[in-house]
Protein backbone atom coordinates (compact mmCIF):
# COMPACT_ATOMS: atom_id res chain seq x y z
CA MET A 1 -17.50 42.17 -5.48
CA ALA A 2 -20.22 42.46 -2.83
CA ASP A 3 -18.98 45.94 -1.85
CA SER A 4 -18.46 47.36 -5.36
CA LEU A 5 -21.28 48.58 -7.58
CA VAL A 6 -18.92 48.58 -10.57
CA LEU A 7 -18.00 44.91 -10.11
CA ARG A 8 -21.64 43.99 -9.48
CA TRP A 9 -22.56 45.65 -12.80
CA PHE A 10 -19.65 44.04 -14.65
CA CYS A 11 -20.58 40.53 -13.38
CA ARG A 12 -24.30 41.09 -14.10
CA VAL A 13 -25.15 40.48 -10.42
CA TYR A 14 -26.65 43.96 -9.90
CA PHE A 15 -28.46 44.04 -6.52
CA GLN A 16 -28.94 40.30 -6.15
CA THR A 17 -27.22 38.14 -3.51
CA VAL A 18 -23.56 37.50 -4.26
CA PRO A 19 -22.47 33.83 -4.02
CA ASP A 20 -20.16 32.95 -1.15
CA LYS A 21 -16.44 32.49 -1.84
CA SER A 22 -16.58 28.77 -1.06
CA THR A 23 -19.46 28.39 -3.52
CA LEU A 24 -17.44 30.05 -6.28
CA ILE A 25 -14.45 27.80 -5.53
CA ARG A 26 -16.68 24.72 -5.68
CA TRP A 27 -18.11 25.87 -9.02
CA THR A 28 -14.60 26.46 -10.34
CA HIS A 29 -13.62 22.88 -9.51
CA THR A 30 -16.39 21.62 -11.79
CA LEU A 31 -14.71 23.17 -14.83
CA ARG A 32 -12.93 20.62 -17.01
CA ALA A 33 -9.76 21.22 -19.01
CA GLU A 34 -11.67 20.88 -22.31
CA THR A 35 -14.14 23.57 -21.22
CA LEU A 36 -11.38 26.03 -20.36
CA ARG A 37 -9.61 25.38 -23.68
CA ALA A 38 -12.87 26.02 -25.53
CA LEU A 39 -13.35 29.25 -23.55
CA ASN A 40 -9.82 30.34 -24.43
CA ASP A 41 -10.44 29.62 -28.12
CA ARG A 42 -13.59 31.74 -27.90
CA GLY A 43 -11.55 34.53 -26.30
CA VAL A 44 -9.06 34.37 -29.19
CA GLU A 45 -11.96 34.66 -31.63
CA LEU A 46 -13.24 37.74 -29.78
CA ALA A 47 -9.75 39.26 -29.88
CA ARG A 48 -9.68 38.71 -33.62
CA GLN A 49 -13.10 40.33 -34.07
CA ALA A 50 -11.96 43.30 -31.95
CA LYS A 51 -8.85 43.57 -34.19
CA VAL A 52 -6.52 43.02 -31.25
CA THR A 53 -4.76 40.35 -33.30
CA GLN A 54 -4.89 39.00 -36.84
CA GLY A 55 -2.78 35.90 -36.25
CA ARG A 56 -0.01 36.89 -38.65
CA LYS A 57 2.82 36.01 -36.27
CA LEU A 58 3.23 33.12 -33.85
CA ARG A 59 5.87 32.62 -31.19
CA LEU A 60 6.15 29.82 -28.67
CA ASP A 61 8.21 28.97 -25.63
CA ALA A 62 8.08 26.71 -22.59
CA MET A 63 7.78 27.59 -18.92
CA TYR A 64 7.70 25.53 -15.76
CA VAL A 65 4.90 25.57 -13.20
CA GLN A 66 5.74 24.34 -9.72
CA THR A 67 3.52 21.99 -7.78
CA THR A 68 2.73 22.69 -4.13
CA ILE A 69 5.00 20.14 -2.46
CA HIS A 70 7.88 20.17 0.00
CA TYR A 71 11.34 19.26 -1.24
CA PRO A 72 11.38 15.47 -1.66
CA THR A 73 13.80 13.37 0.38
CA ASP A 74 13.77 9.64 0.97
CA SER A 75 13.15 10.03 4.69
CA GLY A 76 10.50 12.71 4.11
CA LEU A 77 8.59 10.50 1.67
CA LEU A 78 8.68 7.59 4.13
CA ILE A 79 7.37 9.84 6.92
CA ASP A 80 4.58 11.03 4.60
CA SER A 81 3.75 7.39 3.84
CA VAL A 82 3.45 6.47 7.52
CA ARG A 83 1.42 9.63 8.19
CA VAL A 84 -1.06 8.92 5.40
CA PHE A 85 -1.57 5.30 6.49
CA SER A 86 -1.86 6.22 10.18
CA ARG A 87 -4.54 8.76 9.36
CA LEU A 88 -6.39 6.23 7.19
CA VAL A 89 -6.45 3.42 9.79
CA LYS A 90 -7.46 5.91 12.49
CA ARG A 91 -10.53 6.89 10.45
CA ALA A 92 -11.31 3.25 9.74
CA LYS A 93 -10.92 2.12 13.38
CA PRO A 94 -14.59 2.71 14.42
CA LEU A 95 -15.77 0.80 11.33
CA VAL A 96 -13.62 -2.31 11.90
CA ALA A 97 -13.61 -2.42 15.72
CA GLU A 98 -15.99 -5.40 15.81
CA GLN A 99 -14.12 -7.43 13.19
CA PHE A 100 -10.73 -7.37 14.96
CA GLN A 101 -10.07 -9.06 18.27
CA HIS A 102 -7.21 -6.63 19.02
CA VAL A 103 -8.27 -3.51 17.17
CA GLY A 104 -5.61 -1.39 18.89
CA ALA A 105 -2.81 -3.48 17.40
CA ALA A 106 -4.49 -3.65 13.99
CA CYS A 107 -4.92 0.15 13.86
CA ARG A 108 -1.72 1.09 15.66
CA ASN A 109 -0.31 4.55 14.92
CA ARG A 110 3.37 4.12 14.03
CA LEU A 111 3.98 7.78 13.21
CA PRO A 112 5.76 8.63 16.51
CA SER A 113 8.33 5.84 16.04
CA ALA A 114 8.88 6.91 12.43
CA ARG A 115 9.40 10.50 13.50
CA ARG A 116 11.94 9.47 16.13
CA ALA A 117 13.91 7.53 13.53
CA ALA A 118 13.79 10.51 11.12
CA GLN A 119 14.94 12.93 13.82
CA ALA A 120 17.81 10.62 14.75
CA LEU A 121 18.73 10.43 11.06
CA HIS A 122 18.79 14.24 10.71
CA ARG A 123 20.98 14.57 13.82
CA LEU A 124 23.31 11.93 12.45
CA LEU A 125 23.74 13.75 9.13
CA ARG A 126 25.01 16.86 10.95
CA ARG A 127 27.86 15.14 12.79
CA LYS A 128 31.04 13.49 11.64
CA SER A 129 31.68 9.89 12.56
CA GLU A 130 33.49 6.86 11.22
CA THR A 131 30.34 4.78 11.50
CA LYS A 132 28.09 7.48 10.05
CA GLU A 133 27.25 5.59 6.87
CA GLN A 134 26.50 2.37 8.77
CA ASP A 135 24.26 4.18 11.28
CA GLN A 136 22.49 5.97 8.43
CA ARG A 137 21.68 2.68 6.71
CA ALA A 138 20.37 1.24 9.99
CA LEU A 139 18.03 4.21 10.53
CA TYR A 140 16.78 4.05 6.95
CA GLN A 141 16.20 0.32 7.40
CA LYS A 142 14.09 1.10 10.47
CA LEU A 143 12.07 3.68 8.55
CA ILE A 144 11.49 1.23 5.71
CA GLU A 145 10.37 -1.49 8.11
CA THR A 146 7.95 0.92 9.81
CA ALA A 147 6.47 1.89 6.44
CA GLU A 148 6.14 -1.78 5.43
CA GLN A 149 4.36 -2.57 8.68
CA MET A 150 1.91 0.26 7.99
CA VAL A 151 1.33 -1.13 4.48
CA ARG A 152 0.44 -4.54 5.92
CA GLN A 153 -1.82 -2.96 8.55
CA THR A 154 -3.63 -0.88 5.94
CA GLU A 155 -4.13 -3.82 3.60
CA ARG A 156 -5.71 -5.85 6.42
CA VAL A 157 -7.99 -2.93 7.34
CA VAL A 158 -8.99 -2.36 3.71
CA GLN A 159 -9.74 -6.06 3.28
CA THR A 160 -12.10 -5.79 6.25
CA LEU A 161 -13.70 -2.65 4.81
CA GLN A 162 -14.62 -4.60 1.67
CA GLN A 163 -17.49 -6.14 3.64
CA GLN A 164 -19.05 -2.76 4.42
CA SER A 165 -21.19 -0.58 2.19
CA GLU A 166 -21.12 2.78 4.00
CA ASN A 167 -19.95 5.81 2.03
CA ILE A 168 -17.07 6.48 4.40
CA ALA A 169 -15.84 2.90 4.00
CA LYS A 170 -15.98 3.28 0.22
CA ARG A 171 -14.00 6.54 0.36
CA LEU A 172 -11.34 4.96 2.58
CA ARG A 173 -11.01 2.00 0.21
CA GLU A 174 -10.61 4.31 -2.79
CA GLN A 175 -8.00 6.37 -0.96
CA ALA A 176 -6.06 3.25 -0.02
CA GLU A 177 -6.19 1.87 -3.59
CA ARG A 178 -4.76 5.18 -4.80
CA VAL A 179 -1.86 5.54 -2.34
CA VAL A 180 -0.79 1.95 -1.60
CA PRO A 181 0.94 1.44 -5.01
CA LEU A 182 2.69 4.82 -4.66
CA ILE A 183 3.95 4.07 -1.17
CA LYS A 184 5.17 0.62 -2.19
CA TRP A 185 7.12 2.32 -4.98
CA VAL A 186 8.55 4.85 -2.48
CA ILE A 187 9.75 1.98 -0.27
CA ALA A 188 11.31 0.21 -3.27
CA GLN A 189 13.07 3.35 -4.55
CA THR A 190 14.43 4.16 -1.06
CA ARG A 191 15.77 0.62 -0.68
CA SER A 192 17.40 0.82 -4.12
CA ARG A 193 18.91 4.27 -3.61
CA VAL A 194 20.02 4.14 0.02
CA LEU A 195 20.52 0.50 1.00
CA GLU A 196 21.66 -0.95 -2.34
CA GLY A 197 23.38 2.17 -3.72
CA GLN A 198 21.61 1.99 -7.09
CA ARG A 199 20.43 4.93 -9.16
CA VAL A 200 16.78 5.48 -9.97
CA ALA A 201 15.89 7.19 -13.24
CA SER A 202 14.37 10.63 -12.85
CA ALA A 203 11.26 9.62 -14.80
CA ASP A 204 10.68 6.66 -12.43
CA LYS A 205 10.96 8.60 -9.16
CA VAL A 206 8.00 9.36 -6.93
CA LEU A 207 8.51 12.94 -5.72
CA SER A 208 5.28 13.41 -3.78
CA LEU A 209 2.42 11.26 -2.53
CA PHE A 210 0.00 14.15 -2.88
CA GLU A 211 1.16 15.39 -6.31
CA PRO A 212 2.42 12.20 -8.00
CA HIS A 213 2.43 13.86 -11.42
CA THR A 214 5.34 16.11 -10.35
CA ARG A 215 8.47 15.88 -12.51
CA THR A 216 12.05 17.08 -12.08
CA ILE A 217 12.76 19.78 -14.65
CA PRO A 218 16.43 20.57 -15.35
CA ARG A 219 16.89 24.33 -15.64
CA HIS A 220 20.33 24.55 -17.36
CA LYS A 221 20.62 28.06 -15.92
CA GLY A 222 22.17 29.76 -12.91
CA GLY A 223 20.58 29.39 -9.50
CA VAL A 224 18.35 26.36 -9.00
CA GLU A 225 19.55 23.29 -10.92
CA VAL A 226 16.13 21.62 -11.10
CA GLU A 227 12.53 22.63 -10.52
CA LEU A 228 9.76 20.41 -9.20
CA GLY A 229 6.60 20.73 -11.26
CA ARG A 230 5.57 20.41 -14.88
CA HIS A 231 6.74 21.83 -18.19
CA VAL A 232 4.15 23.91 -20.06
CA ILE A 233 4.29 25.13 -23.67
CA LEU A 234 2.69 28.47 -24.60
CA ASP A 235 1.74 29.85 -28.02
CA GLU A 236 1.33 33.62 -28.41
CA VAL A 237 0.27 35.77 -31.37
CA GLU A 238 0.74 39.48 -31.87
CA GLY A 239 -1.33 41.56 -29.49
CA GLY A 240 -0.19 39.50 -26.49
CA ILE A 241 -2.91 36.84 -26.88
CA VAL A 242 -2.01 33.32 -25.70
CA THR A 243 -3.72 30.91 -28.08
CA ARG A 244 -2.59 27.58 -26.66
CA TYR A 245 -1.19 26.09 -23.46
CA GLN A 246 -0.32 22.46 -22.91
CA ILE A 247 1.33 20.46 -20.13
CA LEU A 248 4.18 18.43 -21.62
CA GLU A 249 4.75 14.83 -20.64
CA HIS A 250 8.51 15.14 -21.13
CA PRO A 251 10.71 18.06 -19.97
CA ASN A 252 11.44 19.31 -23.50
CA GLU A 253 9.47 21.08 -26.19
CA HIS A 254 11.06 19.59 -29.32
CA GLY A 255 8.70 19.54 -32.29
CA GLN A 256 5.98 21.62 -30.66
CA ALA A 257 6.04 24.19 -33.50
CA VAL A 258 4.22 21.80 -35.86
CA GLU A 259 1.41 21.25 -33.38
CA ALA A 260 1.26 24.99 -32.66
CA VAL A 261 0.78 25.82 -36.35
CA SER A 262 -1.91 23.15 -36.68
CA HIS A 263 -3.84 24.65 -33.76
CA HIS A 264 -3.31 28.15 -35.16
CA ARG A 265 -4.86 27.11 -38.46
CA GLN A 266 -7.95 25.80 -36.67
CA LEU A 267 -8.41 29.15 -34.90
CA PHE A 268 -7.62 31.59 -37.69
CA GLY A 269 -8.30 29.55 -40.83
CA ARG A 270 -4.76 30.07 -42.10
CA VAL A 271 -1.17 29.54 -41.07
CA PRO A 272 0.88 32.46 -39.68
CA ARG A 273 3.39 34.27 -41.84
CA LEU A 274 6.07 34.02 -39.14
CA VAL A 275 6.77 31.22 -36.66
CA THR A 276 9.56 31.70 -34.16
CA GLY A 277 10.85 30.02 -31.02
CA ASP A 278 14.05 29.22 -29.20
CA ARG A 279 16.43 26.35 -29.88
CA GLY A 280 14.49 23.98 -27.62
CA VAL A 281 11.49 24.03 -29.99
CA HIS A 282 13.55 22.83 -32.95
CA SER A 283 13.41 19.27 -34.23
CA PRO A 284 14.94 17.72 -37.37
CA ASN A 285 11.70 17.94 -39.40
CA THR A 286 10.36 21.25 -38.07
CA ASP A 287 11.51 23.51 -40.91
CA GLU A 288 10.42 21.06 -43.60
CA ALA A 289 6.98 20.50 -42.06
CA LEU A 290 6.30 24.23 -41.59
CA THR A 291 7.49 25.04 -45.11
CA GLU A 292 5.10 22.42 -46.50
CA ALA A 293 2.35 24.09 -44.44
CA ARG A 294 3.18 27.32 -46.36
CA VAL A 295 4.64 29.30 -43.47
CA LYS A 296 6.64 32.06 -45.16
CA LEU A 297 9.32 32.54 -42.49
CA VAL A 298 10.49 30.09 -39.81
CA THR A 299 13.05 31.52 -37.39
CA ILE A 300 13.82 28.65 -35.02
CA PRO A 301 17.56 28.14 -34.43
CA ALA A 302 18.75 24.65 -35.29
CA SER A 303 20.50 22.60 -32.62
CA GLY A 304 23.74 20.68 -33.00
CA LYS A 305 26.48 21.33 -35.52
CA LEU A 306 25.24 23.67 -38.26
CA SER A 307 26.01 23.32 -41.94
CA PRO A 308 27.46 26.34 -43.78
CA GLU A 309 24.11 26.87 -45.52
CA ARG A 310 22.26 26.90 -42.19
CA GLN A 311 24.78 29.32 -40.68
CA ALA A 312 24.36 31.67 -43.64
CA LEU A 313 20.56 31.50 -43.32
CA GLU A 314 20.58 32.36 -39.61
CA ARG A 315 22.82 35.37 -40.29
CA THR A 316 20.51 37.04 -42.80
CA CYS A 317 18.77 40.28 -41.77
CA ARG A 318 15.32 38.87 -42.53
CA TRP A 319 15.89 35.82 -40.33
CA ARG A 320 17.34 37.86 -37.46
CA ARG A 321 14.49 40.39 -37.63
CA GLY A 322 11.96 37.60 -37.26
CA TYR A 323 13.91 35.95 -34.44
CA ARG A 324 14.09 39.21 -32.48
CA TRP A 325 10.29 39.20 -32.21
CA ARG A 326 10.54 35.94 -30.25
CA VAL A 327 11.93 37.74 -27.20
CA GLY A 328 8.52 39.21 -26.36
CA ILE A 329 7.17 35.86 -25.15
CA GLU A 330 9.68 35.96 -22.29
CA GLY A 331 7.87 39.04 -21.01
CA ARG A 332 4.51 37.31 -21.42
CA ILE A 333 5.74 34.34 -19.37
CA ALA A 334 7.07 36.68 -16.68
CA SER A 335 3.71 38.48 -16.57
CA LEU A 336 1.79 35.21 -16.27
CA ARG A 337 4.04 34.04 -13.46
CA ARG A 338 4.06 37.35 -11.61
CA ASP A 339 0.56 38.77 -12.16
CA TYR A 340 -1.57 35.64 -12.62
CA GLY A 341 0.06 33.14 -10.25
CA LEU A 342 1.33 30.68 -12.84
CA HIS A 343 4.66 30.24 -11.05
CA ARG A 344 2.97 27.64 -8.83
CA SER A 345 -0.29 25.74 -9.19
CA SER A 346 -2.59 26.15 -6.20
CA TYR A 347 -4.88 23.37 -7.44
CA HIS A 348 -3.96 19.72 -6.96
CA GLY A 349 -3.46 16.99 -9.51
CA PRO A 350 -2.93 17.25 -13.29
CA ASP A 351 -6.56 18.28 -13.82
CA GLY A 352 -6.18 20.98 -11.17
CA MET A 353 -3.03 22.31 -12.83
CA GLU A 354 -4.81 22.40 -16.21
CA ARG A 355 -7.62 24.37 -14.57
CA TRP A 356 -5.16 26.76 -12.90
CA LEU A 357 -3.36 27.36 -16.20
CA GLY A 358 -6.60 27.89 -18.10
CA LEU A 359 -7.92 30.46 -15.64
CA GLY A 360 -4.64 32.39 -15.62
CA VAL A 361 -4.30 32.45 -19.41
CA LYS A 362 -7.95 33.44 -19.83
CA ALA A 363 -7.57 36.33 -17.40
CA SER A 364 -4.44 37.54 -19.19
CA ASN A 365 -6.14 37.43 -22.60
CA LEU A 366 -9.19 39.32 -21.36
CA ARG A 367 -6.96 42.02 -19.92
CA ARG A 368 -5.07 42.36 -23.21
CA ILE A 369 -8.37 42.73 -25.09
CA ALA A 370 -9.63 45.34 -22.62
CA LEU A 371 -6.42 47.37 -22.82
CA ALA A 372 -6.41 47.27 -26.61
CA ARG A 373 -9.97 48.62 -26.80
């Protein structure tokens, strides 16, 4: 922007000093999810005033957004746990040196021993041996013991930091309070999965210490079986304007059509004439609820075994014509993932992902408005 007169004019900066990139990033991080949703609603209102859309049709679909993590393995999560604790006690060492008689032992870095055990485990997995399973359990047991020792060390250091009032001590305590429960859960799930041979439910797994909100999303398609990230529902009206985005707590979008129509009514003052989506959006009361809301045509395929009446309805020309319009949201999702970076969130945490989604959707809507005018 600093080198372009056109961009300076567009951003109303003119010949004034342009803020530094780091300053803009810091300002962006102050935006809350509610603010970005309100900005997007305002953009939809501007699109309506510019006659880009009238809100007569509504289609919705879900997409997945990856989080920035490495592929989770039990040994990798244990190594991350030891690394996080080693870094924390290293930073706390100057603050607690006077309180411990043997500060070196209290703040010992166990990361090298954990790495050696992990490397031995990886070498073991590549070779064939009769005692392979036994050796694997022994190495995992060593990793678990190392992680537990680091937990005890960190808890002793944090207990000592309670007596101090410096800002750095407060930050270290807050960091420890955030990660200690996660790491204890990682140790418990590794012991259950590897040593005891039990299964851990997908919803109960910790997949990352740095992005704990990450979920496993089954794809049910060719290629990758699961994705690591979050499921996001999108609502789009004619004109290519995305009116709503929402991170789903569960990896399915059943029943989202009712909420989409309710939000649509708040924006446009009326319900759309057509609501369409794929089979994943359907729920047992979707058609009834949307009909009561006075939606003229609902073209969402029902799931499960269909009655003869339902089969006849989904074969009518009017129903099929409305359902064909649904396909366009696949292109919108592809554009958001390809052109606006929504395939992976570069911001951390659930709030960061909300912010990343809001900025991408807002940019897409502004471009659609500009192209239409």
